[in-house]
C-alpha atoms as a PDB file:
ATOM      1  CA  MET A   1      -7.640 -29.529  12.762  1.00  0.00           C
ATOM      2  CA  PRO A   2      -9.727 -28.206   9.785  1.00  0.00           C
ATOM      3  CA  PRO A   3      -9.159 -24.603   8.829  1.00  0.00           C
ATOM      4  CA  VAL A   4     -11.448 -21.967  10.402  1.00  0.00           C
ATOM      5  CA  LEU A   5     -11.707 -20.178   7.053  1.00  0.00           C
ATOM      6  CA  GLU A   6     -11.406 -21.561   3.598  1.00  0.00           C
ATOM      7  CA  LEU A   7     -11.869 -20.058   0.198  1.00  0.00           C
ATOM      8  CA  ARG A   8     -12.394 -22.401  -2.691  1.00  0.00           C
ATOM      9  CA  SER A   9     -11.993 -20.949  -6.242  1.00  0.00           C
ATOM     10  CA  VAL A  10     -13.732 -17.721  -5.251  1.00  0.00           C
ATOM     11  CA  SER A  11     -14.309 -15.070  -7.952  1.00  0.00           C
ATOM     12  CA  LYS A  12     -16.122 -11.701  -8.053  1.00  0.00           C
ATOM     13  CA  HIS A  13     -16.961 -10.108 -11.345  1.00  0.00           C
ATOM     14  CA  PHE A  14     -18.496  -6.627 -11.653  1.00  0.00           C
ATOM     15  CA  PRO A  15     -19.951  -5.340 -14.925  1.00  0.00           C
ATOM     16  CA  THR A  16     -16.799  -3.362 -15.660  1.00  0.00           C
ATOM     17  CA  HIS A  17     -14.079  -5.661 -14.416  1.00  0.00           C
ATOM     18  CA  LYS A  18     -13.074  -8.921 -12.654  1.00  0.00           C
ATOM     19  CA  ALA A  19     -12.081  -7.911  -9.127  1.00  0.00           C
ATOM     20  CA  VAL A  20     -11.172 -11.407  -7.870  1.00  0.00           C
ATOM     21  CA  SER A  21     -10.384 -14.408  -9.986  1.00  0.00           C
ATOM     22  CA  ASP A  22     -10.302 -18.017  -8.773  1.00  0.00           C
ATOM     23  CA  VAL A  23      -8.884 -17.308  -5.351  1.00  0.00           C
ATOM     24  CA  SER A  24      -8.313 -20.291  -3.015  1.00  0.00           C
ATOM     25  CA  LEU A  25      -6.718 -20.134   0.460  1.00  0.00           C
ATOM     26  CA  SER A  26      -7.003 -21.965   3.875  1.00  0.00           C
ATOM     27  CA  ILE A  27      -6.467 -20.110   7.240  1.00  0.00           C
ATOM     28  CA  GLU A  28      -5.853 -22.041  10.414  1.00  0.00           C
ATOM     29  CA  ARG A  29      -7.642 -21.299  13.604  1.00  0.00           C
ATOM     30  CA  GLY A  30      -5.895 -18.756  15.897  1.00  0.00           C
ATOM     31  CA  LYS A  31      -3.593 -17.325  13.229  1.00  0.00           C
ATOM     32  CA  LEU A  32      -3.069 -13.633  12.086  1.00  0.00           C
ATOM     33  CA  PHE A  33      -3.428 -13.717   8.361  1.00  0.00           C
ATOM     34  CA  ALA A  34      -2.732 -10.752   5.982  1.00  0.00           C
ATOM     35  CA  LEU A  35      -4.216 -10.060   2.631  1.00  0.00           C
ATOM     36  CA  LEU A  36      -1.518  -7.733   1.148  1.00  0.00           C
ATOM     37  CA  GLY A  37      -1.306  -5.856  -2.092  1.00  0.00           C
ATOM     38  CA  PRO A  38      -1.570  -2.606  -4.036  1.00  0.00           C
ATOM     39  CA  SER A  39      -4.791  -0.686  -4.523  1.00  0.00           C
ATOM     40  CA  GLY A  40      -7.158  -2.392  -6.909  1.00  0.00           C
ATOM     41  CA  CYS A  41      -5.601  -5.952  -6.432  1.00  0.00           C
ATOM     42  CA  GLY A  42      -8.773  -7.425  -4.991  1.00  0.00           C
ATOM     43  CA  LYS A  43      -7.895  -7.733  -1.383  1.00  0.00           C
ATOM     44  CA  THR A  44     -10.692  -5.614   0.047  1.00  0.00           C
ATOM     45  CA  THR A  45     -13.214  -7.312  -2.242  1.00  0.00           C
ATOM     46  CA  THR A  46     -12.079 -10.616  -0.885  1.00  0.00           C
ATOM     47  CA  LEU A  47     -12.564  -9.336   2.644  1.00  0.00           C
ATOM     48  CA  ARG A  48     -16.048  -8.072   1.799  1.00  0.00           C
ATOM     49  CA  MET A  49     -17.037 -11.356   0.433  1.00  0.00           C
ATOM     50  CA  VAL A  50     -15.964 -13.126   3.636  1.00  0.00           C
ATOM     51  CA  ALA A  51     -17.912 -10.511   5.655  1.00  0.00           C
ATOM     52  CA  GLY A  52     -20.982 -10.908   3.490  1.00  0.00           C
ATOM     53  CA  PHE A  53     -21.154  -7.445   2.056  1.00  0.00           C
ATOM     54  CA  ASP A  54     -20.421  -8.780  -1.509  1.00  0.00           C
ATOM     55  CA  LYS A  55     -21.658 -12.027  -2.874  1.00  0.00           C
ATOM     56  CA  PRO A  56     -19.142 -14.097  -4.869  1.00  0.00           C
ATOM     57  CA  THR A  57     -19.905 -14.728  -8.536  1.00  0.00           C
ATOM     58  CA  SER A  58     -18.641 -18.254  -8.075  1.00  0.00           C
ATOM     59  CA  GLY A  59     -16.846 -20.459  -5.455  1.00  0.00           C
ATOM     60  CA  GLN A  60     -17.298 -21.376  -1.893  1.00  0.00           C
ATOM     61  CA  ILE A  61     -16.464 -19.586   1.375  1.00  0.00           C
ATOM     62  CA  LEU A  62     -16.389 -22.054   4.332  1.00  0.00           C
ATOM     63  CA  LEU A  63     -16.291 -21.028   7.983  1.00  0.00           C
ATOM     64  CA  SER A  64     -15.523 -23.969  10.233  1.00  0.00           C
ATOM     65  CA  GLY A  65     -16.587 -26.217   7.231  1.00  0.00           C
ATOM     66  CA  GLN A  66     -19.918 -24.500   6.542  1.00  0.00           C
ATOM     67  CA  ASP A  67     -20.469 -22.671   3.226  1.00  0.00           C
ATOM     68  CA  ILE A  68     -21.392 -19.186   4.348  1.00  0.00           C
ATOM     69  CA  ALA A  69     -21.474 -17.544   0.876  1.00  0.00           C
ATOM     70  CA  PRO A  70     -25.351 -17.610   0.726  1.00  0.00           C
ATOM     71  CA  LEU A  71     -25.647 -16.111   4.317  1.00  0.00           C
ATOM     72  CA  GLU A  72     -26.281 -12.483   5.175  1.00  0.00           C
ATOM     73  CA  PRO A  73     -23.583 -10.611   7.121  1.00  0.00           C
ATOM     74  CA  TYR A  74     -25.461 -10.808  10.419  1.00  0.00           C
ATOM     75  CA  GLU A  75     -25.824 -14.649   9.982  1.00  0.00           C
ATOM     76  CA  ARG A  76     -22.039 -15.210   9.928  1.00  0.00           C
ATOM     77  CA  ASN A  77     -19.915 -15.541  13.027  1.00  0.00           C
ATOM     78  CA  VAL A  78     -17.481 -13.011  11.733  1.00  0.00           C
ATOM     79  CA  THR A  79     -17.090  -9.280  12.697  1.00  0.00           C
ATOM     80  CA  THR A  80     -15.398  -6.456  10.799  1.00  0.00           C
ATOM     81  CA  VAL A  81     -13.334  -3.483  11.924  1.00  0.00           C
ATOM     82  CA  PHE A  82     -13.501  -0.850   9.280  1.00  0.00           C
ATOM     83  CA  GLN A  83     -10.860   1.607   8.110  1.00  0.00           C
ATOM     84  CA  SER A  84     -12.921   4.374   9.531  1.00  0.00           C
ATOM     85  CA  TYR A  85     -13.713   2.399  12.725  1.00  0.00           C
ATOM     86  CA  ALA A  86     -17.479   3.300  12.156  1.00  0.00           C
ATOM     87  CA  LEU A  87     -18.027   4.090  15.858  1.00  0.00           C
ATOM     88  CA  PHE A  88     -21.389   5.693  16.833  1.00  0.00           C
ATOM     89  CA  PRO A  89     -20.399   9.328  17.588  1.00  0.00           C
ATOM     90  CA  HIS A  90     -23.360   9.957  20.047  1.00  0.00           C
ATOM     91  CA  LEU A  91     -22.573   6.851  22.088  1.00  0.00           C
ATOM     92  CA  THR A  92     -19.893   6.499  24.766  1.00  0.00           C
ATOM     93  CA  ALA A  93     -17.023   3.996  24.425  1.00  0.00           C
ATOM     94  CA  ARG A  94     -18.935   1.577  26.709  1.00  0.00           C
ATOM     95  CA  GLU A  95     -22.156   1.996  24.735  1.00  0.00           C
ATOM     96  CA  ASN A  96     -20.366   1.357  21.438  1.00  0.00           C
ATOM     97  CA  ILE A  97     -18.863  -1.912  22.858  1.00  0.00           C
ATOM     98  CA  GLU A  98     -22.146  -3.202  24.301  1.00  0.00           C
ATOM     99  CA  PHE A  99     -24.223  -2.232  21.277  1.00  0.00           C
ATOM    100  CA  GLY A 100     -23.909  -5.592  19.539  1.00  0.00           C
ATOM    101  CA  LEU A 101     -24.344  -7.533  22.741  1.00  0.00           C
ATOM    102  CA  ARG A 102     -27.639  -5.784  23.418  1.00  0.00           C
ATOM    103  CA  ARG A 103     -28.874  -6.504  19.829  1.00  0.00           C
ATOM    104  CA  LYS A 104     -28.077 -10.254  20.417  1.00  0.00           C
ATOM    105  CA  GLY A 105     -29.857 -10.213  23.712  1.00  0.00           C
ATOM    106  CA  ALA A 106     -26.696 -11.386  25.510  1.00  0.00           C
ATOM    107  CA  THR A 107     -26.589 -11.864  29.343  1.00  0.00           C
ATOM    108  CA  ASP A 108     -24.015 -10.455  31.785  1.00  0.00           C
ATOM    109  CA  ILE A 109     -23.306  -7.586  29.482  1.00  0.00           C
ATOM    110  CA  ASP A 110     -21.565  -5.418  32.099  1.00  0.00           C
ATOM    111  CA  LYS A 111     -18.959  -8.075  32.860  1.00  0.00           C
ATOM    112  CA  HIS A 112     -18.263  -8.710  29.241  1.00  0.00           C
ATOM    113  CA  VAL A 113     -17.761  -4.941  28.580  1.00  0.00           C
ATOM    114  CA  ARG A 114     -15.601  -4.525  31.761  1.00  0.00           C
ATOM    115  CA  ASP A 115     -13.420  -7.431  30.664  1.00  0.00           C
ATOM    116  CA  MET A 116     -13.014  -6.016  27.138  1.00  0.00           C
ATOM    117  CA  LEU A 117     -12.243  -2.457  28.359  1.00  0.00           C
ATOM    118  CA  GLU A 118      -9.445  -3.948  30.445  1.00  0.00           C
ATOM    119  CA  LEU A 119      -8.192  -6.050  27.542  1.00  0.00           C
ATOM    120  CA  VAL A 120      -7.843  -3.043  25.147  1.00  0.00           C
ATOM    121  CA  GLN A 121      -6.544  -0.803  28.007  1.00  0.00           C
ATOM    122  CA  MET A 122      -9.528   1.618  27.895  1.00  0.00           C
ATOM    123  CA  ALA A 123     -10.666   1.252  31.531  1.00  0.00           C
ATOM    124  CA  GLY A 124     -11.373   4.605  32.932  1.00  0.00           C
ATOM    125  CA  LYS A 125     -12.269   6.047  29.529  1.00  0.00           C
ATOM    126  CA  GLU A 126     -15.467   4.166  28.953  1.00  0.00           C
ATOM    127  CA  ASP A 127     -17.677   7.258  29.322  1.00  0.00           C
ATOM    128  CA  ARG A 128     -15.917   9.302  26.603  1.00  0.00           C
ATOM    129  CA  LYS A 129     -17.573   9.656  23.266  1.00  0.00           C
ATOM    130  CA  PRO A 130     -15.567   9.168  20.002  1.00  0.00           C
ATOM    131  CA  PRO A 131     -14.931  12.956  19.486  1.00  0.00           C
ATOM    132  CA  ARG A 132     -13.055  12.963  22.801  1.00  0.00           C
ATOM    133  CA  LEU A 133     -10.894   9.946  21.896  1.00  0.00           C
ATOM    134  CA  SER A 134      -7.563   9.841  20.055  1.00  0.00           C
ATOM    135  CA  GLY A 135      -7.016   7.794  16.892  1.00  0.00           C
ATOM    136  CA  GLY A 136      -5.530   5.004  18.779  1.00  0.00           C
ATOM    137  CA  GLU A 137      -8.256   4.968  21.374  1.00  0.00           C
ATOM    138  CA  LYS A 138     -10.900   4.864  18.728  1.00  0.00           C
ATOM    139  CA  GLN A 139      -9.262   1.875  17.260  1.00  0.00           C
ATOM    140  CA  ARG A 140      -9.227   0.145  20.586  1.00  0.00           C
ATOM    141  CA  VAL A 141     -12.854   0.731  21.094  1.00  0.00           C
ATOM    142  CA  ALA A 142     -13.647  -0.541  17.586  1.00  0.00           C
ATOM    143  CA  LEU A 143     -11.574  -3.695  18.332  1.00  0.00           C
ATOM    144  CA  ALA A 144     -13.373  -4.184  21.644  1.00  0.00           C
ATOM    145  CA  ARG A 145     -16.789  -3.761  20.019  1.00  0.00           C
ATOM    146  CA  ALA A 146     -15.845  -6.493  17.461  1.00  0.00           C
ATOM    147  CA  LEU A 147     -14.130  -8.945  19.894  1.00  0.00           C
ATOM    148  CA  VAL A 148     -16.824  -8.819  22.603  1.00  0.00           C
ATOM    149  CA  LEU A 149     -19.077 -10.720  20.212  1.00  0.00           C
ATOM    150  CA  GLU A 150     -16.546 -13.658  20.225  1.00  0.00           C
ATOM    151  CA  PRO A 151     -16.404 -14.154  16.522  1.00  0.00           C
ATOM    152  CA  GLU A 152     -14.627 -17.072  14.923  1.00  0.00           C
ATOM    153  CA  VAL A 153     -12.894 -14.703  12.561  1.00  0.00           C
ATOM    154  CA  LEU A 154     -12.186 -10.905  13.010  1.00  0.00           C
ATOM    155  CA  LEU A 155     -11.785  -9.044   9.734  1.00  0.00           C
ATOM    156  CA  LEU A 156      -9.737  -5.810   9.745  1.00  0.00           C
ATOM    157  CA  ASP A 157      -9.775  -3.499   6.689  1.00  0.00           C
ATOM    158  CA  GLU A 158      -6.693  -1.239   6.651  1.00  0.00           C
ATOM    159  CA  PRO A 159      -6.978  -0.809  10.516  1.00  0.00           C
ATOM    160  CA  LEU A 160      -3.872   1.248  10.901  1.00  0.00           C
ATOM    161  CA  SER A 161      -3.973   3.552   7.921  1.00  0.00           C
ATOM    162  CA  ALA A 162      -5.679   6.466   9.768  1.00  0.00           C
ATOM    163  CA  LEU A 163      -2.939   6.646  12.425  1.00  0.00           C
ATOM    164  CA  ASP A 164       0.151   8.791  12.147  1.00  0.00           C
ATOM    165  CA  PRO A 165       3.451   6.807  11.521  1.00  0.00           C
ATOM    166  CA  LYS A 166       4.720   6.835  15.252  1.00  0.00           C
ATOM    167  CA  LEU A 167       1.303   5.716  16.618  1.00  0.00           C
ATOM    168  CA  ARG A 168       1.017   3.128  13.840  1.00  0.00           C
ATOM    169  CA  LYS A 169       4.143   1.331  14.957  1.00  0.00           C
ATOM    170  CA  GLN A 170       3.010   1.286  18.591  1.00  0.00           C
ATOM    171  CA  VAL A 171      -0.416  -0.015  17.777  1.00  0.00           C
ATOM    172  CA  ARG A 172       1.024  -2.709  15.435  1.00  0.00           C
ATOM    173  CA  ALA A 173       2.676  -4.219  18.487  1.00  0.00           C
ATOM    174  CA  GLU A 174      -0.498  -3.873  20.565  1.00  0.00           C
ATOM    175  CA  LEU A 175      -2.593  -5.479  17.847  1.00  0.00           C
ATOM    176  CA  LYS A 176      -0.313  -8.551  17.569  1.00  0.00           C
ATOM    177  CA  SER A 177      -0.193  -8.933  21.365  1.00  0.00           C
ATOM    178  CA  LEU A 178      -3.987  -8.589  21.559  1.00  0.00           C
ATOM    179  CA  GLN A 179      -4.492 -11.206  18.915  1.00  0.00           C
ATOM    180  CA  ARG A 180      -2.193 -13.717  20.783  1.00  0.00           C
ATOM    181  CA  ARG A 181      -4.037 -13.135  24.041  1.00  0.00           C
ATOM    182  CA  VAL A 182      -7.558 -13.528  22.678  1.00  0.00           C
ATOM    183  CA  GLY A 183      -6.671 -16.408  20.323  1.00  0.00           C
ATOM    184  CA  ILE A 184      -9.193 -15.357  17.704  1.00  0.00           C
ATOM    185  CA  THR A 185      -8.295 -15.595  14.034  1.00  0.00           C
ATOM    186  CA  PHE A 186      -7.565 -12.162  12.553  1.00  0.00           C
ATOM    187  CA  VAL A 187      -7.587 -11.516   8.807  1.00  0.00           C
ATOM    188  CA  ILE A 188      -6.153  -8.063   8.038  1.00  0.00           C
ATOM    189  CA  VAL A 189      -6.218  -6.227   4.766  1.00  0.00           C
ATOM    190  CA  THR A 190      -3.292  -3.877   4.111  1.00  0.00           C
ATOM    191  CA  HIS A 191      -1.298  -2.314   1.315  1.00  0.00           C
ATOM    192  CA  ASP A 192       1.681  -1.762   3.679  1.00  0.00           C
ATOM    193  CA  GLN A 193       4.183  -4.521   3.218  1.00  0.00           C
ATOM    194  CA  GLU A 194       6.067  -3.648   6.435  1.00  0.00           C
ATOM    195  CA  GLU A 195       2.774  -3.871   8.361  1.00  0.00           C
ATOM    196  CA  ALA A 196       1.943  -7.359   6.952  1.00  0.00           C
ATOM    197  CA  MET A 197       5.569  -8.684   7.511  1.00  0.00           C
ATOM    198  CA  MET A 198       5.512  -7.570  11.158  1.00  0.00           C
ATOM    199  CA  LEU A 199       2.069  -8.734  12.049  1.00  0.00           C
ATOM    200  CA  ALA A 200       1.142 -11.828  10.070  1.00  0.00           C
ATOM    201  CA  ASP A 201       1.803 -15.467  10.620  1.00  0.00           C
ATOM    202  CA  GLU A 202       0.943 -15.990   6.909  1.00  0.00           C
ATOM    203  CA  VAL A 203       0.591 -13.572   3.986  1.00  0.00           C
ATOM    204  CA  ALA A 204      -1.360 -13.812   0.746  1.00  0.00           C
ATOM    205  CA  LEU A 205       0.145 -11.201  -1.634  1.00  0.00           C
ATOM    206  CA  MET A 206      -2.554 -10.365  -4.280  1.00  0.00           C
ATOM    207  CA  HIS A 207      -2.001  -8.938  -7.798  1.00  0.00           C
ATOM    208  CA  LYS A 208      -4.715  -8.334 -10.481  1.00  0.00           C
ATOM    209  CA  GLY A 209      -7.439 -10.233  -8.520  1.00  0.00           C
ATOM    210  CA  GLN A 210      -5.322 -13.332  -7.886  1.00  0.00           C
ATOM    211  CA  ILE A 211      -2.855 -14.611  -5.252  1.00  0.00           C
ATOM    212  CA  ALA A 212       0.651 -13.937  -6.574  1.00  0.00           C
ATOM    213  CA  GLN A 213       2.210 -15.845  -3.630  1.00  0.00           C
ATOM    214  CA  LEU A 214       1.015 -17.338  -0.320  1.00  0.00           C
ATOM    215  CA  GLY A 215       3.420 -18.139   2.527  1.00  0.00           C
ATOM    216  CA  THR A 216       5.071 -16.893   5.724  1.00  0.00           C
ATOM    217  CA  PRO A 217       6.576 -13.387   5.679  1.00  0.00           C
ATOM    218  CA  GLU A 218      10.065 -14.854   5.484  1.00  0.00           C
ATOM    219  CA  ASP A 219       9.107 -17.254   2.684  1.00  0.00           C
ATOM    220  CA  ILE A 220       7.794 -14.566   0.363  1.00  0.00           C
ATOM    221  CA  TYR A 221      10.501 -11.996   1.154  1.00  0.00           C
ATOM    222  CA  LEU A 222      13.455 -14.362   0.741  1.00  0.00           C
ATOM    223  CA  ARG A 223      11.957 -16.758  -1.878  1.00  0.00           C
ATOM    224  CA  PRO A 224       9.699 -14.662  -4.077  1.00  0.00           C
ATOM    225  CA  ALA A 225       7.654 -16.378  -6.793  1.00  0.00           C
ATOM    226  CA  ASN A 226       8.266 -13.693  -9.364  1.00  0.00           C
ATOM    227  CA  ARG A 227       9.501 -10.040  -9.866  1.00  0.00           C
ATOM    228  CA  PHE A 228       6.275  -8.511  -8.823  1.00  0.00           C
ATOM    229  CA  VAL A 229       6.422 -10.163  -5.476  1.00  0.00           C
ATOM    230  CA  ALA A 230      10.144  -9.342  -5.039  1.00  0.00           C
ATOM    231  CA  ASN A 231       9.684  -5.734  -5.887  1.00  0.00           C
ATOM    232  CA  PHE A 232       6.544  -5.115  -3.931  1.00  0.00           C
ATOM    233  CA  LEU A 233       8.120  -6.384  -0.745  1.00  0.00           C
ATOM    234  CA  GLY A 234      11.141  -4.150  -0.905  1.00  0.00           C
ATOM    235  CA  ALA A 235      14.024  -2.845  -3.032  1.00  0.00           C
ATOM    236  CA  VAL A 236      15.935  -5.334  -5.133  1.00  0.00           C
ATOM    237  CA  ASN A 237      19.156  -4.913  -7.084  1.00  0.00           C
ATOM    238  CA  TRP A 238      18.537  -7.024 -10.200  1.00  0.00           C
ATOM    239  CA  MET A 239      21.835  -8.574 -11.516  1.00  0.00           C
ATOM    240  CA  GLY A 240      20.650 -10.311 -14.662  1.00  0.00           C
ATOM    241  CA  SER A 241      18.835 -13.574 -13.640  1.00  0.00           C
ATOM    242  CA  PHE A 242      18.806 -12.987  -9.880  1.00  0.00           C
ATOM    243  CA  GLY A 243      18.402 -10.149  -7.374  1.00  0.00           C
ATOM    244  CA  VAL A 244      20.072  -9.007  -4.190  1.00  0.00           C
ATOM    245  CA  ARG A 245      18.380  -6.914  -1.601  1.00  0.00           C
ATOM    246  CA  PRO A 246      20.082  -3.729  -0.334  1.00  0.00           C
ATOM    247  CA  GLU A 247      20.664  -5.017   3.201  1.00  0.00           C
ATOM    248  CA  ALA A 248      22.559  -8.096   1.671  1.00  0.00           C
ATOM    249  CA  LEU A 249      24.862  -5.982  -0.572  1.00  0.00           C
ATOM    250  CA  ARG A 250      28.189  -5.124   1.081  1.00  0.00           C
ATOM    251  CA  MET A 251      30.218  -2.065   0.147  1.00  0.00           C
ATOM    252  CA  THR A 252      33.816  -1.257   0.900  1.00  0.00           C
ATOM    253  CA  ARG A 253      36.652   1.127  -0.153  1.00  0.00           C
ATOM    254  CA  ASP A 254      39.247  -1.561   0.299  1.00  0.00           C
ATOM    255  CA  PRO A 255      40.330  -3.673  -2.639  1.00  0.00           C
ATOM    256  CA  ILE A 256      38.859  -7.182  -2.681  1.00  0.00           C
ATOM    257  CA  GLU A 257      39.493 -10.241  -4.730  1.00  0.00           C
ATOM    258  CA  SER A 258      37.444 -10.117  -7.954  1.00  0.00           C
ATOM    259  CA  GLY A 259      34.958 -12.886  -8.553  1.00  0.00           C
ATOM    260  CA  PRO A 260      31.467 -13.569  -9.857  1.00  0.00           C
ATOM    261  CA  ARG A 261      29.945 -11.899  -6.813  1.00  0.00           C
ATOM    262  CA  THR A 262      31.993  -8.686  -6.751  1.00  0.00           C
ATOM    263  CA  ARG A 263      31.565  -5.460  -8.704  1.00  0.00           C
ATOM    264  CA  PHE A 264      33.363  -2.185  -8.953  1.00  0.00           C
ATOM    265  CA  ALA A 265      31.159   0.882  -8.624  1.00  0.00           C
ATOM    266  CA  ASN A 266      31.064   4.732  -8.299  1.00  0.00           C
ATOM    267  CA  VAL A 267      29.018   6.315  -5.526  1.00  0.00           C
ATOM    268  CA  GLU A 268      26.272   8.608  -6.784  1.00  0.00           C
ATOM    269  CA  HIS A 269      24.697   9.739  -3.532  1.00  0.00           C
ATOM    270  CA  ALA A 270      23.858   8.564  -0.061  1.00  0.00           C
ATOM    271  CA  MET A 271      20.399   8.897   1.715  1.00  0.00           C
ATOM    272  CA  PHE A 272      20.351   9.150   5.527  1.00  0.00           C
ATOM    273  CA  LEU A 273      17.443   7.024   6.947  1.00  0.00           C
ATOM    274  CA  GLY A 274      18.153   7.312  10.668  1.00  0.00           C
ATOM    275  CA  SER A 275      19.246   3.729  11.413  1.00  0.00           C
ATOM    276  CA  CYS A 276      21.258   3.431   8.197  1.00  0.00           C
ATOM    277  CA  PHE A 277      22.365   4.922   4.949  1.00  0.00           C
ATOM    278  CA  HIS A 278      21.138   3.859   1.484  1.00  0.00           C
ATOM    279  CA  VAL A 279      24.031   4.389  -0.796  1.00  0.00           C
ATOM    280  CA  HIS A 280      23.251   4.595  -4.449  1.00  0.00           C
ATOM    281  CA  ALA A 281      26.134   3.709  -6.822  1.00  0.00           C
ATOM    282  CA  LYS A 282      26.658   2.944 -10.527  1.00  0.00           C
ATOM    283  CA  LEU A 283      28.310  -0.202 -11.783  1.00  0.00           C
ATOM    284  CA  GLY A 284      30.720  -0.385 -14.585  1.00  0.00           C
ATOM    285  CA  ASP A 285      27.932  -1.351 -17.008  1.00  0.00           C
ATOM    286  CA  GLY A 286      25.964   1.651 -15.983  1.00  0.00           C
ATOM    287  CA  LYS A 287      23.459  -0.172 -13.822  1.00  0.00           C
ATOM    288  CA  LEU A 288      22.390   1.685 -10.616  1.00  0.00           C
ATOM    289  CA  ILE A 289      22.434  -0.345  -7.369  1.00  0.00           C
ATOM    290  CA  VAL A 290      21.572   0.544  -3.677  1.00  0.00           C
ATOM    291  CA  ALA A 291      23.423  -0.783  -0.666  1.00  0.00           C
ATOM    292  CA  GLU A 292      22.256  -0.456   2.918  1.00  0.00           C
ATOM    293  CA  VAL A 293      25.231   0.451   5.170  1.00  0.00           C
ATOM    294  CA  SER A 294      25.489   1.216   8.809  1.00  0.00           C
ATOM    295  CA  ARG A 295      25.230   4.853   9.924  1.00  0.00           C
ATOM    296  CA  VAL A 296      28.118   4.407  12.349  1.00  0.00           C
ATOM    297  CA  ASP A 297      30.619   3.772   9.690  1.00  0.00           C
ATOM    298  CA  ASP A 298      32.460   6.470   7.750  1.00  0.00           C
ATOM    299  CA  PRO A 299      29.806   7.596   5.297  1.00  0.00           C
ATOM    300  CA  PHE A 300      30.376   7.146   1.581  1.00  0.00           C
ATOM    301  CA  ARG A 301      30.449  10.281  -0.481  1.00  0.00           C
ATOM    302  CA  PRO A 302      29.607  11.076  -4.120  1.00  0.00           C
ATOM    303  CA  GLY A 303      32.337  10.268  -6.541  1.00  0.00           C
ATOM    304  CA  GLU A 304      34.076   7.636  -4.359  1.00  0.00           C
ATOM    305  CA  HIS A 305      35.327   4.490  -6.017  1.00  0.00           C
ATOM    306  CA  VAL A 306      34.006   1.418  -4.087  1.00  0.00           C
ATOM    307  CA  HIS A 307      33.679  -2.309  -4.296  1.00  0.00           C
ATOM    308  CA  VAL A 308      30.442  -4.123  -3.721  1.00  0.00           C
ATOM    309  CA  TRP A 309      30.001  -7.865  -2.988  1.00  0.00           C
ATOM    310  CA  TRP A 310      27.435 -10.319  -1.740  1.00  0.00           C
ATOM    311  CA  ASN A 311      26.985 -13.930  -0.625  1.00  0.00           C
ATOM    312  CA  GLY A 312      25.478 -16.580  -2.830  1.00  0.00           C
ATOM    313  CA  GLU A 313      22.831 -17.540  -0.185  1.00  0.00           C
ATOM    314  CA  ASP A 314      21.488 -13.919  -0.410  1.00  0.00           C
ATOM    315  CA  GLU A 315      20.667 -14.155  -4.078  1.00  0.00           C
ATOM    316  CA  LEU A 316      16.988 -14.202  -5.060  1.00  0.00           C
ATOM    317  CA  HIS A 317      16.603 -16.736  -7.780  1.00  0.00           C
ATOM    318  CA  LEU A 318      13.221 -16.686  -9.433  1.00  0.00           C
ATOM    319  CA  PRO A 319      11.462 -19.798 -10.876  1.00  0.00           C
ATOM    320  CA  ALA A 320      11.849 -20.297 -14.636  1.00  0.00           C
ATOM    321  CA  GLY A 321       9.404 -18.039 -16.486  1.00  0.00           C
ATOM    322  CA  ALA A 322       8.534 -16.045 -13.397  1.00  0.00           C
ATOM    323  CA  ASP A 323       9.859 -12.623 -14.529  1.00  0.00           C
ATOM    324  CA  GLU A 324       6.536 -10.852 -14.358  1.00  0.00           C
END
């Protein structure tokens, strides 16, 4: 089956800088795909080019095999949910959802809107205007307004950043469930690595306008292409030519047999994170390391002498010349 969305050597140059340089990727129909990266990496510019708000300097953007780069936003079968949701404040939830359908001259609008209100769990609140909706409810209305148009691809620009942390976790689960139910391809832009890892089937991690690594969340977390990828996705204890993530580093007070994967250390301090402790310790060579340990164990205290160890399969080995 051909990809629903394909970028071929896409670049976007502004007078002051190159925002995107030679980006190529292919997204399967029905997948949830994440463009991940720090601010200024080019992910939002990439999304805007797919949406049609920015024209690429070079390259092709194909939707179901058709090059849509020359087309205007309204000529593309994609819809966008913006970070601000961009709801019309003077319209009710129902009126916001049906707005695009009325502009298209669609038929059976009431049924489409009723079905969508049920899908996003907003039935009974359709007569409320945005000022009377919570952040999560506004997002549901914005999603419904986009999905009711039955796009081939739904683009989401930092869709959860306006929500408080507790609600964000809840809505993540709802968003993934919704995508599975409707079967529409979602492309989400986020700077939050945890969000991308939890939501996406595949992730493109961007850096300085290029794709640093493309793969499943598990691929890029456990087999990073370089140090930027490894460090962006979470803490790493670098032990010379390889790294070990804190959750893979074991710590004990009991003596253990010395070997290439054991170290002696002194505890500096421990940070309580609710589900676990992050124990910071200093190795004999002065290097600081972090180990994630269970909160139900006897906590490690500053000044304690400990042993740390890890398994060989947990080492992150970077390709030759991939230190950046």
